[in-house]
N, C-alpha and C. Protein backbone atom coordinates (compact mmCIF):
# COMPACT_ATOMS: atom_id res chain seq x y z
N UNK A 1 -82.14 -148.40 -7.64
CA UNK A 1 -82.11 -149.43 -8.65
C UNK A 1 -83.53 -149.73 -9.11
N UNK A 2 -83.60 -150.29 -10.26
CA UNK A 2 -84.85 -150.79 -10.79
C UNK A 2 -84.55 -152.14 -11.45
N UNK A 3 -85.58 -152.86 -11.78
CA UNK A 3 -85.42 -154.16 -12.42
C UNK A 3 -86.26 -154.21 -13.69
N UNK A 4 -85.66 -154.67 -14.76
CA UNK A 4 -86.40 -154.97 -15.97
C UNK A 4 -86.64 -156.47 -15.95
N UNK A 5 -87.90 -156.87 -15.91
CA UNK A 5 -88.21 -158.29 -15.87
C UNK A 5 -89.02 -158.69 -17.10
N UNK A 6 -88.82 -159.91 -17.51
CA UNK A 6 -89.60 -160.50 -18.59
C UNK A 6 -90.41 -161.62 -17.97
N UNK A 7 -91.72 -161.59 -18.18
CA UNK A 7 -92.58 -162.62 -17.63
C UNK A 7 -92.53 -163.88 -18.48
N UNK A 8 -92.69 -165.01 -17.84
CA UNK A 8 -92.66 -166.29 -18.54
C UNK A 8 -93.80 -166.36 -19.56
N UNK A 9 -93.50 -166.96 -20.69
CA UNK A 9 -94.49 -167.13 -21.75
C UNK A 9 -95.66 -167.97 -21.25
N UNK A 10 -96.83 -167.67 -21.76
CA UNK A 10 -98.02 -168.45 -21.46
C UNK A 10 -98.80 -167.97 -20.25
N UNK A 11 -98.25 -167.06 -19.48
CA UNK A 11 -98.97 -166.56 -18.32
C UNK A 11 -100.06 -165.59 -18.75
N UNK A 12 -101.12 -165.51 -17.96
CA UNK A 12 -102.21 -164.59 -18.26
C UNK A 12 -102.61 -163.85 -16.99
N UNK A 13 -102.85 -162.56 -17.16
CA UNK A 13 -103.39 -161.73 -16.09
C UNK A 13 -102.57 -161.80 -14.79
N UNK A 14 -101.28 -161.59 -14.92
CA UNK A 14 -100.39 -161.56 -13.76
C UNK A 14 -100.42 -160.14 -13.18
N UNK A 15 -100.74 -160.01 -11.91
CA UNK A 15 -100.74 -158.72 -11.25
C UNK A 15 -99.44 -158.60 -10.46
N UNK A 16 -98.66 -157.59 -10.80
CA UNK A 16 -97.37 -157.36 -10.14
C UNK A 16 -97.53 -156.30 -9.05
N UNK A 17 -96.51 -156.15 -8.18
CA UNK A 17 -96.63 -155.21 -7.06
C UNK A 17 -96.89 -153.75 -7.45
N UNK A 18 -96.70 -153.40 -8.73
CA UNK A 18 -97.03 -152.03 -9.15
C UNK A 18 -98.53 -151.86 -9.38
N UNK A 19 -99.29 -152.95 -9.22
CA UNK A 19 -100.74 -152.89 -9.33
C UNK A 19 -101.29 -153.09 -10.73
N UNK A 20 -100.41 -153.28 -11.71
CA UNK A 20 -100.85 -153.45 -13.09
C UNK A 20 -100.91 -154.93 -13.47
N UNK A 21 -101.71 -155.23 -14.48
CA UNK A 21 -101.92 -156.60 -14.95
C UNK A 21 -101.12 -156.80 -16.24
N UNK A 22 -100.44 -157.95 -16.33
CA UNK A 22 -99.58 -158.24 -17.48
C UNK A 22 -99.83 -159.64 -18.01
N UNK A 23 -99.33 -159.87 -19.22
CA UNK A 23 -99.45 -161.17 -19.87
C UNK A 23 -98.05 -161.77 -20.05
N UNK A 24 -97.99 -163.07 -20.28
CA UNK A 24 -96.72 -163.74 -20.49
C UNK A 24 -95.94 -163.09 -21.63
N UNK A 25 -94.63 -162.96 -21.44
CA UNK A 25 -93.76 -162.35 -22.44
C UNK A 25 -93.62 -160.84 -22.30
N UNK A 26 -94.46 -160.22 -21.49
CA UNK A 26 -94.35 -158.77 -21.29
C UNK A 26 -93.03 -158.43 -20.60
N UNK A 27 -92.49 -157.28 -20.95
CA UNK A 27 -91.29 -156.75 -20.30
C UNK A 27 -91.74 -155.58 -19.44
N UNK A 28 -91.37 -155.62 -18.16
CA UNK A 28 -91.87 -154.67 -17.17
C UNK A 28 -90.70 -154.10 -16.37
N UNK A 29 -90.77 -152.83 -16.04
CA UNK A 29 -89.78 -152.23 -15.15
C UNK A 29 -90.42 -152.04 -13.79
N UNK A 30 -89.79 -152.62 -12.77
CA UNK A 30 -90.25 -152.48 -11.40
C UNK A 30 -89.19 -151.77 -10.58
N UNK A 31 -89.62 -150.97 -9.64
CA UNK A 31 -88.66 -150.34 -8.73
C UNK A 31 -88.07 -151.42 -7.83
N UNK A 32 -86.99 -151.07 -7.16
CA UNK A 32 -86.35 -151.98 -6.22
C UNK A 32 -87.34 -152.40 -5.14
N UNK A 33 -88.13 -151.44 -4.66
CA UNK A 33 -89.12 -151.73 -3.63
C UNK A 33 -90.19 -152.70 -4.14
N UNK A 34 -90.70 -152.47 -5.36
CA UNK A 34 -91.73 -153.35 -5.93
C UNK A 34 -91.18 -154.76 -6.13
N UNK A 35 -89.98 -154.84 -6.67
CA UNK A 35 -89.36 -156.16 -6.91
C UNK A 35 -89.17 -156.89 -5.58
N UNK A 36 -88.76 -156.15 -4.55
CA UNK A 36 -88.55 -156.74 -3.23
C UNK A 36 -89.82 -157.23 -2.57
N UNK A 37 -90.97 -156.73 -3.00
CA UNK A 37 -92.25 -157.18 -2.44
C UNK A 37 -92.64 -158.56 -2.95
N UNK A 38 -92.03 -158.99 -4.03
CA UNK A 38 -92.33 -160.31 -4.59
C UNK A 38 -91.59 -161.38 -3.79
N UNK A 39 -92.29 -162.42 -3.40
CA UNK A 39 -91.63 -163.52 -2.70
C UNK A 39 -90.74 -164.28 -3.68
N UNK A 40 -89.81 -165.03 -3.16
CA UNK A 40 -88.93 -165.83 -4.01
C UNK A 40 -89.74 -166.82 -4.85
N UNK A 41 -90.78 -167.40 -4.27
CA UNK A 41 -91.60 -168.36 -5.02
C UNK A 41 -92.39 -167.67 -6.13
N UNK A 42 -92.84 -166.44 -5.89
CA UNK A 42 -93.55 -165.69 -6.93
C UNK A 42 -92.60 -165.35 -8.07
N UNK A 43 -91.38 -164.94 -7.74
CA UNK A 43 -90.40 -164.64 -8.79
C UNK A 43 -90.14 -165.88 -9.63
N UNK A 44 -89.97 -167.02 -8.97
CA UNK A 44 -89.71 -168.26 -9.70
C UNK A 44 -90.88 -168.61 -10.61
N UNK A 45 -92.09 -168.37 -10.15
CA UNK A 45 -93.29 -168.74 -10.91
C UNK A 45 -93.53 -167.85 -12.12
N UNK A 46 -93.19 -166.56 -12.04
CA UNK A 46 -93.59 -165.65 -13.11
C UNK A 46 -92.45 -164.99 -13.88
N UNK A 47 -91.25 -164.94 -13.31
CA UNK A 47 -90.17 -164.19 -13.96
C UNK A 47 -89.28 -165.10 -14.79
N UNK A 48 -89.22 -164.81 -16.09
CA UNK A 48 -88.32 -165.53 -16.99
C UNK A 48 -86.89 -165.03 -16.80
N UNK A 49 -86.73 -163.71 -16.78
CA UNK A 49 -85.41 -163.10 -16.57
C UNK A 49 -85.58 -161.75 -15.90
N UNK A 50 -84.54 -161.36 -15.16
CA UNK A 50 -84.53 -160.07 -14.47
C UNK A 50 -83.16 -159.45 -14.63
N UNK A 51 -83.14 -158.17 -14.94
CA UNK A 51 -81.90 -157.42 -15.10
C UNK A 51 -81.97 -156.17 -14.23
N UNK A 52 -80.90 -155.93 -13.49
CA UNK A 52 -80.83 -154.71 -12.67
C UNK A 52 -80.53 -153.53 -13.59
N UNK A 53 -81.29 -152.46 -13.42
CA UNK A 53 -81.12 -151.25 -14.21
C UNK A 53 -80.78 -150.11 -13.25
N UNK A 54 -79.58 -149.51 -13.36
CA UNK A 54 -79.28 -148.41 -12.48
C UNK A 54 -80.17 -147.21 -12.77
N UNK A 55 -80.60 -146.55 -11.73
CA UNK A 55 -81.43 -145.35 -11.87
C UNK A 55 -80.50 -144.16 -11.80
N UNK A 56 -80.55 -143.27 -12.78
CA UNK A 56 -79.66 -142.11 -12.76
C UNK A 56 -79.93 -141.22 -11.56
N UNK A 57 -78.87 -140.65 -11.03
CA UNK A 57 -79.01 -139.73 -9.89
C UNK A 57 -79.72 -138.47 -10.35
N UNK A 58 -80.56 -137.92 -9.47
CA UNK A 58 -81.31 -136.73 -9.86
C UNK A 58 -80.69 -135.48 -9.30
């Protein structure tokens, strides 16, 4: 699985578990592992919405 997340508006220079820096309103795809590294409080602070995206079998 992966997650498509939208960061809350107004945020600046948010570093996510994938190591990249983002701004408020950005839409980011994180792996299940990366999303799981975020604490519940971090998710509440920075994530506006999150959608599970199935990863196609290889």
